[in-house]
C-alpha cells in the first residue's frame, strides 16, 4: 500500500519552528486551532511523566510547530 501525498519528491521536509511541552489537553487543542488558522503543520506526541510524589503519573504532550504539514510515510508491514 502506498500513500498519496501532495509533497513533490524534490521538496524538503517541513522545518521545525518551535516545540511546546503541554500539560493539559485544552492547551493542545488551542495550539492545534492556532496552527490551523496560520496554515502551519504540527506533530503531536503524548507521553507519561512520573509526578514528584513518585506514586502517580501524568499525561503530557509534546507539540512541534512546523513550517508545513508533515507527510507520514507508510511503514513496511511486518510478517506475522
PDB file of N, CA and C in Angstrom:
ATOM      1  N   UNK A   1       0.844  -1.164   0.000  1.00  0.00           N
ATOM      2  CA  UNK A   1       0.000   0.000   0.000  1.00  0.00           C
ATOM      3  C   UNK A   1       0.891   1.230   0.000  1.00  0.00           C
ATOM      4  N   UNK A   2       0.527   2.222  -0.783  1.00  0.00           N
ATOM      5  CA  UNK A   2       1.327   3.440  -0.827  1.00  0.00           C
ATOM      6  C   UNK A   2       0.480   4.643  -0.440  1.00  0.00           C
ATOM      7  N   UNK A   3       1.156   5.669   0.016  1.00  0.00           N
ATOM      8  CA  UNK A   3       0.480   6.884   0.421  1.00  0.00           C
ATOM      9  C   UNK A   3       0.508   7.880  -0.717  1.00  0.00           C
ATOM     10  N   UNK A   4      -0.629   8.503  -0.988  1.00  0.00           N
ATOM     11  CA  UNK A   4      -0.693   9.552  -1.995  1.00  0.00           C
ATOM     12  C   UNK A   4      -0.591  10.883  -1.258  1.00  0.00           C
ATOM     13  N   UNK A   5       0.398  11.683  -1.636  1.00  0.00           N
ATOM     14  CA  UNK A   5       0.589  12.970  -0.973  1.00  0.00           C
ATOM     15  C   UNK A   5       0.752  14.053  -2.025  1.00  0.00           C
ATOM     16  N   UNK A   6       0.665  15.288  -1.577  1.00  0.00           N
ATOM     17  CA  UNK A   6       0.915  16.412  -2.480  1.00  0.00           C
ATOM     18  C   UNK A   6       2.353  16.910  -2.355  1.00  0.00           C
ATOM     19  N   UNK A   7       3.191  16.161  -1.664  1.00  0.00           N
ATOM     20  CA  UNK A   7       4.589  16.529  -1.476  1.00  0.00           C
ATOM     21  C   UNK A   7       5.409  16.012  -2.651  1.00  0.00           C
ATOM     22  N   UNK A   8       5.992  16.929  -3.389  1.00  0.00           N
ATOM     23  CA  UNK A   8       6.843  16.571  -4.517  1.00  0.00           C
ATOM     24  C   UNK A   8       8.136  15.959  -3.988  1.00  0.00           C
ATOM     25  N   UNK A   9       8.686  14.996  -4.718  1.00  0.00           N
ATOM     26  CA  UNK A   9       9.914  14.332  -4.277  1.00  0.00           C
ATOM     27  C   UNK A   9      11.063  15.318  -4.114  1.00  0.00           C
ATOM     28  N   UNK A  10      11.033  16.438  -4.810  1.00  0.00           N
ATOM     29  CA  UNK A  10      12.106  17.419  -4.733  1.00  0.00           C
ATOM     30  C   UNK A  10      11.947  18.365  -3.546  1.00  0.00           C
ATOM     31  N   UNK A  11      10.768  18.371  -2.931  1.00  0.00           N
ATOM     32  CA  UNK A  11      10.530  19.257  -1.796  1.00  0.00           C
ATOM     33  C   UNK A  11      11.180  18.678  -0.545  1.00  0.00           C
ATOM     34  N   UNK A  12      11.656  19.570   0.307  1.00  0.00           N
ATOM     35  CA  UNK A  12      12.243  19.103   1.552  1.00  0.00           C
ATOM     36  C   UNK A  12      11.166  19.004   2.622  1.00  0.00           C
ATOM     37  N   UNK A  13      11.495  18.318   3.689  1.00  0.00           N
ATOM     38  CA  UNK A  13      10.567  18.162   4.805  1.00  0.00           C
ATOM     39  C   UNK A  13      10.343  19.521   5.463  1.00  0.00           C
ATOM     40  N   UNK A  14       9.174  19.710   6.072  1.00  0.00           N
ATOM     41  CA  UNK A  14       8.919  20.983   6.750  1.00  0.00           C
ATOM     42  C   UNK A  14       9.899  21.199   7.898  1.00  0.00           C
ATOM     43  N   UNK A  15      10.219  22.462   8.143  1.00  0.00           N
ATOM     44  CA  UNK A  15      11.181  22.803   9.192  1.00  0.00           C
ATOM     45  C   UNK A  15      10.481  23.031  10.523  1.00  0.00           C
ATOM     46  N   UNK A  16      11.181  22.699  11.584  1.00  0.00           N
ATOM     47  CA  UNK A  16      10.683  22.896  12.932  1.00  0.00           C
ATOM     48  C   UNK A  16      10.777  24.370  13.313  1.00  0.00           C
ATOM     49  N   UNK A  17       9.659  24.925  13.778  1.00  0.00           N
ATOM     50  CA  UNK A  17       9.629  26.314  14.236  1.00  0.00           C
ATOM     51  C   UNK A  17       9.834  26.366  15.750  1.00  0.00           C
ATOM     52  N   UNK A  18       9.073  25.534  16.478  1.00  0.00           N
ATOM     53  CA  UNK A  18       9.142  25.544  17.939  1.00  0.00           C
ATOM     54  C   UNK A  18       8.593  24.231  18.472  1.00  0.00           C
ATOM     55  N   UNK A  19       8.987  23.891  19.694  1.00  0.00           N
ATOM     56  CA  UNK A  19       8.456  22.723  20.396  1.00  0.00           C
ATOM     57  C   UNK A  19       7.834  23.206  21.697  1.00  0.00           C
ATOM     58  N   UNK A  20       6.587  22.782  21.935  1.00  0.00           N
ATOM     59  CA  UNK A  20       5.865  23.157  23.155  1.00  0.00           C
ATOM     60  C   UNK A  20       5.587  21.901  23.961  1.00  0.00           C
ATOM     61  N   UNK A  21       5.800  21.973  25.263  1.00  0.00           N
ATOM     62  CA  UNK A  21       5.502  20.871  26.167  1.00  0.00           C
ATOM     63  C   UNK A  21       4.286  21.284  26.995  1.00  0.00           C
ATOM     64  N   UNK A  22       3.184  20.557  26.817  1.00  0.00           N
ATOM     65  CA  UNK A  22       1.909  20.960  27.393  1.00  0.00           C
ATOM     66  C   UNK A  22       1.424  19.944  28.416  1.00  0.00           C
ATOM     67  N   UNK A  23       0.671  20.456  29.401  1.00  0.00           N
ATOM     68  CA  UNK A  23       0.201  19.588  30.481  1.00  0.00           C
ATOM     69  C   UNK A  23      -1.309  19.393  30.467  1.00  0.00           C
ATOM     70  N   UNK A  24      -2.032  20.105  29.609  1.00  0.00           N
ATOM     71  CA  UNK A  24      -3.489  19.986  29.568  1.00  0.00           C
ATOM     72  C   UNK A  24      -3.952  19.804  28.122  1.00  0.00           C
ATOM     73  N   UNK A  25      -4.906  18.917  27.912  1.00  0.00           N
ATOM     74  CA  UNK A  25      -5.423  18.659  26.567  1.00  0.00           C
ATOM     75  C   UNK A  25      -6.067  19.912  25.983  1.00  0.00           C
ATOM     76  N   UNK A  26      -6.657  20.756  26.819  1.00  0.00           N
ATOM     77  CA  UNK A  26      -7.247  22.004  26.328  1.00  0.00           C
ATOM     78  C   UNK A  26      -6.183  22.890  25.685  1.00  0.00           C
ATOM     79  N   UNK A  27      -4.989  22.900  26.234  1.00  0.00           N
ATOM     80  CA  UNK A  27      -3.886  23.668  25.651  1.00  0.00           C
ATOM     81  C   UNK A  27      -3.468  23.080  24.306  1.00  0.00           C
ATOM     82  N   UNK A  28      -3.472  21.756  24.207  1.00  0.00           N
ATOM     83  CA  UNK A  28      -3.129  21.092  22.944  1.00  0.00           C
ATOM     84  C   UNK A  28      -4.131  21.509  21.867  1.00  0.00           C
ATOM     85  N   UNK A  29      -5.406  21.455  22.191  1.00  0.00           N
ATOM     86  CA  UNK A  29      -6.451  21.822  21.229  1.00  0.00           C
ATOM     87  C   UNK A  29      -6.301  23.283  20.809  1.00  0.00           C
ATOM     88  N   UNK A  30      -6.021  24.166  21.747  1.00  0.00           N
ATOM     89  CA  UNK A  30      -5.828  25.583  21.438  1.00  0.00           C
ATOM     90  C   UNK A  30      -4.658  25.782  20.476  1.00  0.00           C
ATOM     91  N   UNK A  31      -3.555  25.089  20.726  1.00  0.00           N
ATOM     92  CA  UNK A  31      -2.387  25.188  19.843  1.00  0.00           C
ATOM     93  C   UNK A  31      -2.707  24.638  18.450  1.00  0.00           C
ATOM     94  N   UNK A  32      -3.470  23.539  18.383  1.00  0.00           N
ATOM     95  CA  UNK A  32      -3.841  22.966  17.087  1.00  0.00           C
ATOM     96  C   UNK A  32      -4.709  23.927  16.280  1.00  0.00           C
ATOM     97  N   UNK A  33      -5.657  24.561  16.940  1.00  0.00           N
ATOM     98  CA  UNK A  33      -6.525  25.526  16.248  1.00  0.00           C
ATOM     99  C   UNK A  33      -5.724  26.722  15.735  1.00  0.00           C
ATOM    100  N   UNK A  34      -4.813  27.219  16.550  1.00  0.00           N
ATOM    101  CA  UNK A  34      -3.988  28.360  16.142  1.00  0.00           C
ATOM    102  C   UNK A  34      -3.115  27.985  14.941  1.00  0.00           C
ATOM    103  N   UNK A  35      -2.515  26.813  14.971  1.00  0.00           N
ATOM    104  CA  UNK A  35      -1.671  26.364  13.865  1.00  0.00           C
ATOM    105  C   UNK A  35      -2.489  26.217  12.585  1.00  0.00           C
ATOM    106  N   UNK A  36      -3.701  25.681  12.710  1.00  0.00           N
ATOM    107  CA  UNK A  36      -4.568  25.526  11.539  1.00  0.00           C
ATOM    108  C   UNK A  36      -4.920  26.887  10.938  1.00  0.00           C
ATOM    109  N   UNK A  37      -5.226  27.871  11.775  1.00  0.00           N
ATOM    110  CA  UNK A  37      -5.555  29.211  11.287  1.00  0.00           C
ATOM    111  C   UNK A  37      -4.373  29.863  10.583  1.00  0.00           C
ATOM    112  N   UNK A  38      -3.167  29.555  11.043  1.00  0.00           N
ATOM    113  CA  UNK A  38      -1.963  30.124  10.439  1.00  0.00           C
ATOM    114  C   UNK A  38      -1.428  29.311   9.261  1.00  0.00           C
ATOM    115  N   UNK A  39      -2.043  28.148   9.003  1.00  0.00           N
ATOM    116  CA  UNK A  39      -1.598  27.296   7.899  1.00  0.00           C
ATOM    117  C   UNK A  39      -0.297  26.576   8.186  1.00  0.00           C
ATOM    118  N   UNK A  40      -0.021  26.317   9.458  1.00  0.00           N
ATOM    119  CA  UNK A  40       1.214  25.639   9.837  1.00  0.00           C
ATOM    120  C   UNK A  40       0.950  24.159  10.102  1.00  0.00           C
ATOM    121  N   UNK A  41       1.985  23.378  10.076  1.00  0.00           N
ATOM    122  CA  UNK A  41       1.882  21.961  10.383  1.00  0.00           C
ATOM    123  C   UNK A  41       2.223  21.700  11.832  1.00  0.00           C
ATOM    124  N   UNK A  42       1.766  20.568  12.327  1.00  0.00           N
ATOM    125  CA  UNK A  42       2.071  20.168  13.699  1.00  0.00           C
ATOM    126  C   UNK A  42       2.362  18.678  13.747  1.00  0.00           C
ATOM    127  N   UNK A  43       3.098  18.306  14.762  1.00  0.00           N
ATOM    128  CA  UNK A  43       3.332  16.896  15.094  1.00  0.00           C
ATOM    129  C   UNK A  43       3.125  16.818  16.599  1.00  0.00           C
ATOM    130  N   UNK A  44       2.241  15.919  17.048  1.00  0.00           N
ATOM    131  CA  UNK A  44       1.908  15.813  18.464  1.00  0.00           C
ATOM    132  C   UNK A  44       2.244  14.415  18.960  1.00  0.00           C
ATOM    133  N   UNK A  45       2.887  14.362  20.112  1.00  0.00           N
ATOM    134  CA  UNK A  45       3.190  13.083  20.776  1.00  0.00           C
ATOM    135  C   UNK A  45       2.706  13.187  22.212  1.00  0.00           C
ATOM    136  N   UNK A  46       2.168  12.098  22.729  1.00  0.00           N
ATOM    137  CA  UNK A  46       1.792  12.081  24.141  1.00  0.00           C
ATOM    138  C   UNK A  46       2.732  11.131  24.868  1.00  0.00           C
ATOM    139  N   UNK A  47       2.925  11.394  26.154  1.00  0.00           N
ATOM    140  CA  UNK A  47       3.787  10.548  26.965  1.00  0.00           C
ATOM    141  C   UNK A  47       3.360  10.666  28.419  1.00  0.00           C
ATOM    142  N   UNK A  48       3.805   9.734  29.223  1.00  0.00           N
ATOM    143  CA  UNK A  48       3.518   9.751  30.650  1.00  0.00           C
ATOM    144  C   UNK A  48       4.760  10.216  31.391  1.00  0.00           C
ATOM    145  N   UNK A  49       4.523  11.045  32.425  1.00  0.00           N
ATOM    146  CA  UNK A  49       5.624  11.570  33.231  1.00  0.00           C
ATOM    147  C   UNK A  49       5.310  11.302  34.700  1.00  0.00           C
ATOM    148  N   UNK A  50       6.281  10.766  35.399  1.00  0.00           N
ATOM    149  CA  UNK A  50       6.078  10.464  36.815  1.00  0.00           C
ATOM    150  C   UNK A  50       6.056  11.755  37.622  1.00  0.00           C
ATOM    151  N   UNK A  51       5.064  11.863  38.507  1.00  0.00           N
ATOM    152  CA  UNK A  51       4.936  13.041  39.361  1.00  0.00           C
ATOM    153  C   UNK A  51       6.012  13.016  40.448  1.00  0.00           C
ATOM    154  N   UNK A  52       6.218  14.142  41.094  1.00  0.00           N
ATOM    155  CA  UNK A  52       7.246  14.259  42.130  1.00  0.00           C
ATOM    156  C   UNK A  52       7.008  13.322  43.305  1.00  0.00           C
ATOM    157  N   UNK A  53       5.738  13.010  43.578  1.00  0.00           N
ATOM    158  CA  UNK A  53       5.450  12.112  44.706  1.00  0.00           C
ATOM    159  C   UNK A  53       5.891  10.674  44.425  1.00  0.00           C
ATOM    160  N   UNK A  54       6.164  10.377  43.164  1.00  0.00           N
ATOM    161  CA  UNK A  54       6.663   9.060  42.794  1.00  0.00           C
ATOM    162  C   UNK A  54       5.601   7.979  42.676  1.00  0.00           C
ATOM    163  N   UNK A  55       4.375   8.278  43.092  1.00  0.00           N
ATOM    164  CA  UNK A  55       3.317   7.264  43.069  1.00  0.00           C
ATOM    165  C   UNK A  55       2.363   7.407  41.884  1.00  0.00           C
ATOM    166  N   UNK A  56       2.325   8.554  41.254  1.00  0.00           N
ATOM    167  CA  UNK A  56       1.376   8.780  40.169  1.00  0.00           C
ATOM    168  C   UNK A  56       2.102   9.239  38.918  1.00  0.00           C
ATOM    169  N   UNK A  57       1.422   9.060  37.791  1.00  0.00           N
ATOM    170  CA  UNK A  57       1.933   9.539  36.511  1.00  0.00           C
ATOM    171  C   UNK A  57       0.906  10.486  35.911  1.00  0.00           C
ATOM    172  N   UNK A  58       1.383  11.410  35.117  1.00  0.00           N
ATOM    173  CA  UNK A  58       0.511  12.379  34.461  1.00  0.00           C
ATOM    174  C   UNK A  58       0.767  12.342  32.962  1.00  0.00           C
ATOM    175  N   UNK A  59      -0.293  12.527  32.193  1.00  0.00           N
ATOM    176  CA  UNK A  59      -0.147  12.559  30.745  1.00  0.00           C
ATOM    177  C   UNK A  59       0.331  13.941  30.328  1.00  0.00           C
ATOM    178  N   UNK A  60       1.292  13.966  29.423  1.00  0.00           N
ATOM    179  CA  UNK A  60       1.860  15.201  28.899  1.00  0.00           C
ATOM    180  C   UNK A  60       1.862  15.110  27.373  1.00  0.00           C
ATOM    181  N   UNK A  61       2.009  16.269  26.727  1.00  0.00           N
ATOM    182  CA  UNK A  61       2.022  16.316  25.272  1.00  0.00           C
ATOM    183  C   UNK A  61       3.188  17.160  24.801  1.00  0.00           C
ATOM    184  N   UNK A  62       3.812  16.682  23.717  1.00  0.00           N
ATOM    185  CA  UNK A  62       4.858  17.443  23.033  1.00  0.00           C
ATOM    186  C   UNK A  62       4.281  17.842  21.685  1.00  0.00           C
ATOM    187  N   UNK A  63       4.240  19.133  21.414  1.00  0.00           N
ATOM    188  CA  UNK A  63       3.687  19.635  20.165  1.00  0.00           C
ATOM    189  C   UNK A  63       4.783  20.367  19.407  1.00  0.00           C
ATOM    190  N   UNK A  64       5.092  19.873  18.231  1.00  0.00           N
ATOM    191  CA  UNK A  64       6.081  20.520  17.373  1.00  0.00           C
ATOM    192  C   UNK A  64       5.348  21.344  16.327  1.00  0.00           C
ATOM    193  N   UNK A  65       5.693  22.601  16.225  1.00  0.00           N
ATOM    194  CA  UNK A  65       5.114  23.508  15.244  1.00  0.00           C
ATOM    195  C   UNK A  65       6.044  23.537  14.043  1.00  0.00           C
ATOM    196  N   UNK A  66       5.494  23.270  12.847  1.00  0.00           N
ATOM    197  CA  UNK A  66       6.294  23.118  11.635  1.00  0.00           C
ATOM    198  C   UNK A  66       5.891  24.135  10.572  1.00  0.00           C
ATOM    199  N   UNK A  67       6.792  24.397   9.628  1.00  0.00           N
ATOM    200  CA  UNK A  67       6.517  25.343   8.551  1.00  0.00           C
ATOM    201  C   UNK A  67       5.462  24.825   7.582  1.00  0.00           C
ATOM    202  N   UNK A  68       5.223  23.535   7.568  1.00  0.00           N
ATOM    203  CA  UNK A  68       4.219  22.934   6.691  1.00  0.00           C
ATOM    204  C   UNK A  68       3.770  21.612   7.268  1.00  0.00           C
ATOM    205  N   UNK A  69       2.831  21.009   6.602  1.00  0.00           N
ATOM    206  CA  UNK A  69       2.285  19.741   7.077  1.00  0.00           C
ATOM    207  C   UNK A  69       3.272  18.604   6.854  1.00  0.00           C
ATOM    208  N   UNK A  70       3.561  17.804   7.890  1.00  0.00           N
ATOM    209  CA  UNK A  70       4.448  16.654   7.693  1.00  0.00           C
ATOM    210  C   UNK A  70       3.714  15.566   6.919  1.00  0.00           C
ATOM    211  N   UNK A  71       4.455  14.794   6.167  1.00  0.00           N
ATOM    212  CA  UNK A  71       3.872  13.705   5.389  1.00  0.00           C
ATOM    213  C   UNK A  71       4.306  12.393   6.023  1.00  0.00           C
ATOM    214  N   UNK A  72       3.341  11.585   6.393  1.00  0.00           N
ATOM    215  CA  UNK A  72       3.616  10.295   7.016  1.00  0.00           C
ATOM    216  C   UNK A  72       3.872   9.270   5.915  1.00  0.00           C
ATOM    217  N   UNK A  73       5.033   8.641   5.990  1.00  0.00           N
ATOM    218  CA  UNK A  73       5.385   7.607   5.025  1.00  0.00           C
ATOM    219  C   UNK A  73       4.897   6.254   5.535  1.00  0.00           C
ATOM    220  N   UNK A  74       4.428   5.405   4.636  1.00  0.00           N
ATOM    221  CA  UNK A  74       3.988   4.063   5.037  1.00  0.00           C
ATOM    222  C   UNK A  74       5.183   3.256   5.525  1.00  0.00           C
ATOM    223  N   UNK A  75       4.960   2.517   6.596  1.00  0.00           N
ATOM    224  CA  UNK A  75       5.969   1.597   7.094  1.00  0.00           C
ATOM    225  C   UNK A  75       5.698   0.231   6.492  1.00  0.00           C
ATOM    226  N   UNK A  76       6.741  -0.534   6.166  1.00  0.00           N
ATOM    227  CA  UNK A  76       6.513  -1.864   5.622  1.00  0.00           C
ATOM    228  C   UNK A  76       5.762  -2.743   6.635  1.00  0.00           C
ATOM    229  N   UNK A  77       4.847  -3.531   6.134  1.00  0.00           N
ATOM    230  CA  UNK A  77       4.060  -4.399   7.011  1.00  0.00           C
ATOM    231  C   UNK A  77       4.950  -5.504   7.557  1.00  0.00           C
ATOM    232  N   UNK A  78       4.790  -5.785   8.843  1.00  0.00           N
ATOM    233  CA  UNK A  78       5.561  -6.860   9.484  1.00  0.00           C
ATOM    234  C   UNK A  78       4.855  -8.179   9.215  1.00  0.00           C
ATOM    235  N   UNK A  79       5.630  -9.179   8.850  1.00  0.00           N
ATOM    236  CA  UNK A  79       5.059 -10.504   8.622  1.00  0.00           C
ATOM    237  C   UNK A  79       4.791 -11.171   9.954  1.00  0.00           C
ATOM    238  N   UNK A  80       3.592 -11.714  10.092  1.00  0.00           N
ATOM    239  CA  UNK A  80       3.232 -12.356  11.355  1.00  0.00           C
ATOM    240  C   UNK A  80       3.556 -13.816  11.347  1.00  0.00           C
TER     241      UNK A  80
END
